[in-house]
Structure formats: structure tokens, C-alpha cells
Amino acid sequence: MLKNYFKIAIAVLKRRKFFTFISLFGISFTLTILMVTTAFFDKMLSPSYPDYKRNRSLYITGVALVSSKNGWYNGSSASFYFLDHYVSKLKTPEKIGIFTFSGKANAYVNNKKVVMEYKYTDANYWEIAEYQFLEGKPYTKQQIDNGERVGVISESNKRNYFGDVKSVVGKYIEADNVSYRIIGVVKDLPRSMRNFYGDLYLPYTVSKGNYKDVGFQGGFGAVLLAKSEADVPKMRVEYQQMLAKIPTNDKEYDKLYAHADTMLESMSRKLFGNDENAGISRMIAIVSLFILLFLLLPTINLVNINITRIMERSSEIGVRKAFGASSKTLVYQFIVENVILTLLGGVIGVFLSVVCIFLFNQSDILPNLNLSLNFTVLLFGFLICLFFGLLSGVYPAWRMSRLNVVNALKAQ
């Protein structure tokens, strides 16, 4: 029976090619936009180079001091003192890596200005982040304690500063009139990896700023790595208990906020949340509403086209009803036909998504950010196809089932 439905569906699609084109275009275009967007967010949130342990990690990216009395708010990134004096004493994390957010330094090579983004880190940072070293190795805790001016550079920084040379380990790179001995070169990563991106990685002990300053705020962040995914909630609870015991030691500010968030929570807190709430529910509601509205227009278009198709087939429906076809059978047939149409649109949409993602990766709009269609993205696309097929087919099918036999035969 399904084989017959498929043949009928193909015949109907060939009958009015313009309507078919509009339907397929609406489905495939919408699916392409949503799948490419899903691929982008999947890349942003899923474990990827060099943050492969993201599912076991919590990130501290800011500290805020709040005055309940005056409503004052003072927010910034964390200080090394706060992370080293308090956070590093936690027992649940397997490791705690400390880093700074990228700053910019200038260098001049052959009268050409080279701008590089530098990042200060501790030794644990290199054990948590799994950078691919093209040559050399990271600096050690001993080198950090000794205050050695050594550094790790990115592949692109090597190319920009030294040109096409085979090896640069042992050579020196100058940034803001300070020379550093290169001990390693790592593969490039996208700028969207804010906690990990850099052109030049340096020991925090050679920082120009005074990392020993006592206070809660500075230019640092941290990543807390649990022993397993199951330990992440325990790690969060221990962190919150530790934070609640810290006095602000400030007459003006009486509340201290410093969240240890997952990557999703960190992103949603910046966009939709605040210090009291990560904003996950709000983000999900806004994204869901956007997707619903984005799907609604092509769905209404499909419903109207399907109703038009039904009116054109009224005589066929009347004849089949006259020969004993039940409304249930006709409804089932029409929904199957519509699902076949949406699946064809889905195949086209997947093809267009592959093309768009390929062009995006080749264009270097966001360097080193390579999107892909994985199982999650394809599953999302399949669910969208079913949404189109069922939602746009149910109402027209219901209208068809209510057609009077006599009126249907007279219509033609």
C-alpha cells in the first residue's frame, strides 16, 4: 500500500510543478537555515579542540561585588588571588587550571606590524586543555616558579612572525619590547574559544600586572575539571559552599558572586541571565519561540498549497468515497503523501546544508571554526521534516475527509 501511495505522491507532485517547487523550496530553505544554525551552536557547545573535556568542566569567568543597600554593582573577571587562595583549595576537582583572557601586544617584523593576542596560564592549564603541539612542549611548573620568559605560540603566529620556516623552538619572539624564548607551537583554534584562544601563551609569573594583588577581581579565569561527569554536581556544590564562606571585607559591598558554570550556562548567563539566574530557561524559551515562528510561515504556506491540491483532487476523492474508501484511508494517504514531499524537501535541505557548510569552512569568515553535520544536527533536521509533514498535512487531510461525495463529484 505504501508503494502505491508513493507512486500517487510522485504523480501529484509532477501534476503542478510550480506548487511543488514552492513547497520544496520552503521546506529545503527553512531546513538549511536551521541546520546550519544548529551546526554552529553544536560546535560552540560540544567538546572540541582543545577543550575535549568540556563535559567534565566548570568555568569561572567573572566575579561581581554587589551592594544590597545602594544597588551598586561591580563586575569583572576574577583575580589570581581569589582563584589561587580560595578556588585551588577545593578537593573535588581533579585539576584546576588558571588563565587570563587574551590581551593584545604589538611586534614589528621587517617594518610590518604584527598584532598578537597573549594569554597567561599556569601549568595545570596545559594538562586540562589538550592542545596539539606541532613542535616543542608546554612550559612546566618549575619554569613558571622560576619566572622564565618562555612561551608557546600558535601556528598562525609562527607564520606571521617568522614566515615559512621549519622550526622555531629555541628562537625568540618579541612582544611589546619584551623577548620570550619559544618552547612550543600549537595548532590554531577559533577565536570563539574565548577561554583557550591565544597567539602567545606565557607563564603568569612574567605578567606585567601584579598578579599578587589581594582582591577578588583581576584579569583571570579558571577551569575546574572533575574526575568524571558524575562528579560535576559535587564539584559545583563544594564550590558554592566555599564561596558562601568568603567575606567581602568591603564596607560598601556585601554580596560576592563568582559562578562556576558549564559552557552552556556561561553563554546563557552572558546573554539572558544575571548573577541570580543563569538564564537557561529564558534562553530555551526564546530559542524555541524563534524556531516556532521560523517554522510557522513555511508551514502555513504548505497548508494553503495542500488545501489547493485537495480542491483540485475533489473529483478523485469523490469517486474513491463512492466506491467505499473510508475517510480514515484517505486521510492516511494524504498525510503519507505530504510526509514524502517533506522528506524530499529534507533531502534537498541536507544537500544545501552540506554545500553551505562547505562554503562557510572554505571562506574563512571565522578562521579555524569548521562546522560539520553530525548525528545531533541530522536528527534535528529529521524532526523538522516530520514537523513539516505532519503539521502541514493534518488540517488539509481533515478538510478532505469532510468533503461530501456529491459535492466532490460536482466540483469537476
Foldseek 3Di string as FASTA:
>chain_A
DLVVLQVVLVVLCVVDVVLLVLLLCLLLVLLLVVLLVVLQVCLLAAQDAFQNQLLQKWKWFKKWFAFPVPRDIDMAGWALCCCVVFVQPDDFFPDKKKKFFWDWWWDAAPNDIDIWTEMAIAAVVCVNTPWAWPDFDDDHNVCLVVLAQAKEFEPVLCCVHVNDDDDQQQHWDDTNRDIGGYGTYTYAAFVSPRQDHTGIYGHPSNDPDDSPDDATHDRMMMMTGGPDSVSNVVSQVSVVVSLVPDARPDPRTGDMATHGHRSLLVVQCVPANDRVGSNPVVVVVVVVVVSCVSLVVSLVVLLVSLLVSLLVCLQVLLVCVVVPDALVNQLVSQLSSLLVSLVVSLVSSVVVSVVVQVCVQVVPPGPNSRGDRDPVSVVVSNVSSNVSSRSSRNVSSVVSNPDDSVVSNVSD
